[in-house]
Structures are given as structure tokens and as C-alpha cells.
Amino acid sequence: MLGDVRGASVLDLACGTGFYTRQVRRLGAADVLGVDVSTEMVTVARAIEERAPLGVRYAVADAARLPAFDRPFDAATAVYLLNYARDAAEMTRMCRAAHRALRPGGAFHVLTQAPGFRFDGPPTAKYGFRYEAVGHGPIGPRARITALLDPPVSFVTHYPRREVYEEALAAAGFGEVTWVPMSVPEEGVRAFGAEFWADFLANPPVAMVRCRA
């Protein structure tokens, strides 16, 4: 979804420990800044950077209240950020902060919980995660997601409705909003076979969105 970011400046919102931040740098981005509200996450990200330097910068900040940057970014990414908004107003603040950080025409790339995901669909454990509806919030269902690690790790988040995403992005000034279809890379098909991925593609738990400032 990112396309060619060689030589670009990229802001990674909700960077966590920097997994995707480092991926963006490896794709050739010239200047990459990862931002997360968690001091602990950023501490880990910086420690990884010290052990294996890539030239990535990190900062602690709330994605809904970003500081002013010296210059605008060419692109921004938000992997599992918007679904943590507590309501539509907070999601709009997140989107507006991202918009302010971008140059005119800059791209905003989002990976988030998919609106319309059917919690009563085929089991998802074979993909490493379990999804359980645990109620309903102001922007959509609330769900407990369990990563089937050893030991398992669970967290609760929202599955916002499609119109909540689209209205927040529009209110922030974004245009050209495109929902990007999920796909399975060739190596995944070779490793597990196309049939293995059929349930995932028929009912994807995550979604990708691309838009322009």
C-alpha cells in the first residue's frame, strides 16, 4: 500500500516498538519518525535502534495531540491507531493531527480493524488470532483480540463502523479516501496454499485505507 517511499519523509503514528517504522526505513525512506503515547514502547524501540542502527528517530506523543514538527512529512502511517479512539471526536482529532503533519498532497496510510467483520464467521485461530465481541461502544463493536502466543496476549479495542472512519478523515481535510483490498502475498500462498487463506479473505479482520492531505 505504501508504494515507493524512497527518499521520502515518513511519520509512523502509534509506532509501538517500531516494527513497521523499521520496515519503512528499509524500504528506502530518507527520514522516519516513530511516535507512540507509550514511554515503555518507545524505550524498547530506541533500544532496538541502538542495537541495530537504521537511522530511525522516535518520540513519545499522543497521536491526537501531536507537537509541531520542523517540516511537514511526505507520508504518514497509522497501524492500529484509529480503532483505539474512544469516540468519533477523538478519531477526528487523530486524523486532524495527521493531516497537520503532512505536506499538501501527502499520503496517509491506515491499517485498522475492519468495519463489518463478522465475529460469528469461521474460526480464525489458524491465523494466530482469536476475535470475540465483548459489547458495543459509541463507534462500533468492542472486541477482545487474543494473539495465540505462548502465553497468549489479549487486548480490547473497537471495530469502528465504516462511516466513522470516513467522516473523521473527511472532517480532518483528507480526500481521495480509498479502501484497499486485502491480499495474500505469493509466498504466503506457496507456504500454506490458497485454500488456507479463503476464510481470511472472505471475512478479513483488518482493513487498509489510503487517502491524501
Protein backbone atom coordinates (compact mmCIF):
# COMPACT_ATOMS: atom_id res chain seq x y z
CA MET A 1 0.00 0.00 0.00
CA LEU A 2 2.87 2.40 0.71
CA GLY A 3 4.25 2.26 -2.81
CA ASP A 4 7.63 3.90 -3.47
CA VAL A 5 8.82 5.81 -0.40
CA ARG A 6 12.48 6.05 -1.41
CA GLY A 7 13.84 9.41 -0.34
CA ALA A 8 10.59 10.38 1.41
CA SER A 9 9.99 11.57 4.96
CA VAL A 10 7.52 9.33 6.82
CA LEU A 11 5.76 9.70 10.17
CA ASP A 12 4.70 6.41 11.80
CA LEU A 13 1.89 7.02 14.29
CA ALA A 14 1.28 4.50 17.10
CA CYS A 15 4.66 3.00 16.25
CA GLY A 16 4.84 0.73 19.29
CA THR A 17 8.26 -0.90 19.43
CA GLY A 18 8.99 0.21 15.88
CA PHE A 19 8.29 -2.91 13.81
CA TYR A 20 6.66 -1.05 10.91
CA THR A 21 8.80 2.04 11.47
CA ARG A 22 11.90 -0.01 10.69
CA GLN A 23 10.18 -1.61 7.69
CA VAL A 24 9.51 1.85 6.22
CA ARG A 25 13.17 2.78 6.65
CA ARG A 26 14.24 -0.46 4.95
CA LEU A 27 12.01 0.48 2.00
CA GLY A 28 14.26 3.48 1.44
CA ALA A 29 12.55 6.36 3.25
CA ALA A 30 15.14 9.05 3.99
CA ASP A 31 13.69 10.36 7.26
CA VAL A 32 11.48 8.22 9.51
CA LEU A 33 9.99 9.27 12.84
CA GLY A 34 8.02 6.85 15.00
CA VAL A 35 5.61 8.29 17.58
CA ASP A 36 3.78 6.46 20.36
CA VAL A 37 1.93 7.51 23.50
CA SER A 38 3.65 4.74 25.50
CA THR A 39 7.01 5.67 27.02
CA GLU A 40 7.73 1.97 27.54
CA MET A 41 7.13 1.14 23.87
CA VAL A 42 9.36 3.97 22.69
CA THR A 43 12.08 2.93 25.14
CA VAL A 44 12.10 -0.54 23.58
CA ALA A 45 12.10 0.93 20.05
CA ARG A 46 15.10 3.11 20.88
CA ALA A 47 16.93 0.15 22.40
CA ILE A 48 16.40 -1.84 19.19
CA GLU A 49 17.68 1.13 17.18
CA GLU A 50 20.80 1.27 19.36
CA ARG A 51 21.48 -2.44 18.83
CA ALA A 52 20.86 -2.37 15.08
CA PRO A 53 21.01 1.24 13.85
CA LEU A 54 18.90 2.15 10.83
CA GLY A 55 18.72 5.90 11.39
CA VAL A 56 15.14 5.87 12.74
CA ARG A 57 14.02 8.50 15.24
CA TYR A 58 11.38 8.02 17.95
CA ALA A 59 9.32 10.34 20.16
CA VAL A 60 6.70 9.98 22.88
CA ALA A 61 3.50 11.81 21.95
CA ASP A 62 -0.28 11.41 21.86
CA ALA A 63 -1.31 10.87 18.22
CA ALA A 64 -4.38 13.06 18.82
CA ARG A 65 -2.20 15.94 20.09
CA LEU A 66 0.98 15.88 18.06
CA PRO A 67 3.58 18.60 18.58
CA ALA A 68 4.51 20.96 15.76
CA PHE A 69 7.23 19.50 13.55
CA ASP A 70 10.05 21.45 11.90
CA ARG A 71 8.81 20.49 8.45
CA PRO A 72 5.88 18.50 7.05
CA PHE A 73 6.15 14.82 6.18
CA ASP A 74 5.59 13.31 2.74
CA ALA A 75 3.58 10.42 4.19
CA ALA A 76 2.20 9.11 7.46
CA THR A 77 1.26 5.60 8.57
CA ALA A 78 -1.12 4.54 11.32
CA VAL A 79 -1.14 0.82 12.10
CA TYR A 80 -3.78 0.01 14.73
CA LEU A 81 -4.31 3.60 15.84
CA LEU A 82 -7.76 4.81 14.79
CA ASN A 83 -9.53 1.79 16.28
CA TYR A 84 -8.33 2.87 19.74
CA ALA A 85 -10.27 6.14 19.57
CA ARG A 86 -12.84 6.18 22.35
CA ASP A 87 -15.37 8.05 20.22
CA ALA A 88 -15.77 9.80 16.87
CA ALA A 89 -14.44 13.09 18.24
CA GLU A 90 -11.17 11.51 19.35
CA MET A 91 -10.76 9.75 16.00
CA THR A 92 -11.28 13.08 14.26
CA ARG A 93 -8.58 14.65 16.46
CA MET A 94 -6.20 11.85 15.47
CA CYS A 95 -6.93 12.42 11.79
CA ARG A 96 -6.55 16.18 12.09
CA ALA A 97 -3.19 15.78 13.82
CA ALA A 98 -2.02 13.50 10.99
CA HIS A 99 -3.28 15.99 8.40
CA ARG A 100 -1.40 18.88 10.03
CA ALA A 101 1.81 16.84 9.99
CA LEU A 102 1.64 16.21 6.22
CA ARG A 103 2.55 18.40 3.28
CA PRO A 104 -0.28 19.22 0.85
CA GLY A 105 -0.92 16.08 -1.18
CA GLY A 106 0.89 13.89 1.34
CA ALA A 107 -0.40 10.34 1.76
CA PHE A 108 -1.96 8.88 4.91
CA HIS A 109 -1.88 5.07 5.08
CA VAL A 110 -4.04 3.30 7.68
CA LEU A 111 -4.24 -0.33 8.76
CA THR A 112 -7.05 -0.85 11.24
CA GLN A 113 -9.83 -3.16 12.45
CA ALA A 114 -12.21 -3.91 9.59
CA PRO A 115 -15.74 -2.49 9.71
CA GLY A 116 -18.28 -5.22 9.09
CA PHE A 117 -16.09 -8.04 10.44
CA ARG A 118 -18.36 -10.97 11.30
CA PHE A 119 -17.47 -12.28 14.74
CA ASP A 120 -19.63 -15.36 14.11
CA GLY A 121 -17.67 -16.25 10.97
CA PRO A 122 -15.26 -19.20 10.53
CA PRO A 123 -12.68 -19.68 13.30
CA THR A 124 -9.55 -17.56 12.94
CA ALA A 125 -7.20 -19.43 15.30
CA LYS A 126 -5.24 -20.89 12.37
CA TYR A 127 -4.14 -17.33 11.54
CA GLY A 128 -2.78 -16.82 15.05
CA PHE A 129 -5.55 -14.65 16.50
CA ARG A 130 -8.97 -15.05 18.10
CA TYR A 131 -11.63 -12.30 17.92
CA GLU A 132 -14.54 -12.08 20.38
CA ALA A 133 -17.24 -9.41 20.54
CA VAL A 134 -17.49 -8.10 24.12
CA GLY A 135 -20.04 -5.32 23.80
CA HIS A 136 -20.77 -2.19 21.84
CA GLY A 137 -19.26 1.28 22.08
CA PRO A 138 -20.19 4.66 20.58
CA ILE A 139 -18.33 3.99 17.33
CA GLY A 140 -18.94 0.26 16.86
CA PRO A 141 -18.49 -3.17 18.43
CA ARG A 142 -15.89 -3.71 21.13
CA ALA A 143 -13.79 -6.82 20.76
CA ARG A 144 -11.26 -8.82 22.69
CA ILE A 145 -8.41 -9.86 20.41
CA THR A 146 -6.17 -12.68 21.61
CA ALA A 147 -2.81 -13.28 19.99
CA LEU A 148 -2.27 -17.02 20.33
CA LEU A 149 1.29 -16.81 21.59
CA ASP A 150 2.83 -18.75 24.46
CA PRO A 151 1.42 -17.42 26.73
CA PRO A 152 -1.50 -15.79 24.86
CA VAL A 153 -1.82 -11.98 24.91
CA SER A 154 -5.26 -10.32 24.91
CA PHE A 155 -6.40 -6.72 24.49
CA VAL A 156 -9.70 -4.95 23.92
CA THR A 157 -10.33 -2.48 21.10
CA HIS A 158 -13.09 -1.07 18.90
CA TYR A 159 -14.28 -2.22 15.49
CA PRO A 160 -15.46 1.20 14.24
CA ARG A 161 -18.17 1.49 11.62
CA ARG A 162 -17.04 2.43 8.10
CA GLU A 163 -18.80 5.78 8.19
CA VAL A 164 -17.00 6.70 11.42
CA TYR A 165 -13.63 6.30 9.69
CA GLU A 166 -14.74 8.14 6.57
CA GLU A 167 -16.36 11.04 8.42
CA ALA A 168 -13.30 11.52 10.66
CA LEU A 169 -10.94 11.56 7.67
CA ALA A 170 -13.17 13.99 5.75
CA ALA A 171 -13.53 16.30 8.75
CA ALA A 172 -9.74 16.39 9.03
CA GLY A 173 -9.44 17.51 5.40
CA PHE A 174 -8.39 14.24 3.77
CA GLY A 175 -9.61 13.39 0.27
CA GLU A 176 -9.27 10.51 -2.19
CA VAL A 177 -10.21 8.04 0.55
CA THR A 178 -9.69 4.53 -0.82
CA TRP A 179 -10.34 1.21 0.91
CA VAL A 180 -7.52 -1.05 -0.26
CA PRO A 181 -8.50 -4.74 -0.64
CA MET A 182 -6.60 -7.26 1.45
CA SER A 183 -4.47 -9.75 -0.44
CA VAL A 184 -2.13 -12.61 0.35
CA PRO A 185 1.44 -12.39 -0.95
CA GLU A 186 2.71 -15.14 -3.21
CA GLU A 187 5.00 -16.54 -0.53
CA GLY A 188 2.00 -16.99 1.77
CA VAL A 189 0.11 -18.92 -0.90
CA ARG A 190 3.15 -21.08 -1.61
CA ALA A 191 3.67 -21.82 2.08
CA PHE A 192 0.07 -22.66 3.04
CA GLY A 193 -1.95 -22.98 -0.16
CA ALA A 194 -4.75 -20.76 -1.43
CA GLU A 195 -7.48 -22.69 0.40
CA PHE A 196 -5.86 -21.92 3.76
CA TRP A 197 -6.47 -18.18 3.21
CA ALA A 198 -10.04 -18.43 1.94
CA ASP A 199 -11.69 -17.73 5.31
CA PHE A 200 -9.40 -14.76 5.95
CA LEU A 201 -10.11 -13.13 2.59
CA ALA A 202 -13.86 -13.79 2.87
CA ASN A 203 -14.03 -12.14 6.31
CA PRO A 204 -10.85 -10.10 6.89
CA PRO A 205 -10.47 -8.88 10.48
CA VAL A 206 -8.34 -5.93 9.36
CA ALA A 207 -8.67 -3.29 6.65
CA MET A 208 -6.41 -0.83 4.84
CA VAL A 209 -7.27 2.76 3.91
CA ARG A 210 -5.29 5.26 1.85
CA CYS A 211 -6.06 8.98 1.49
CA ARG A 212 -4.46 12.35 0.64
CA ALA A 213 -3.96 15.57 2.58
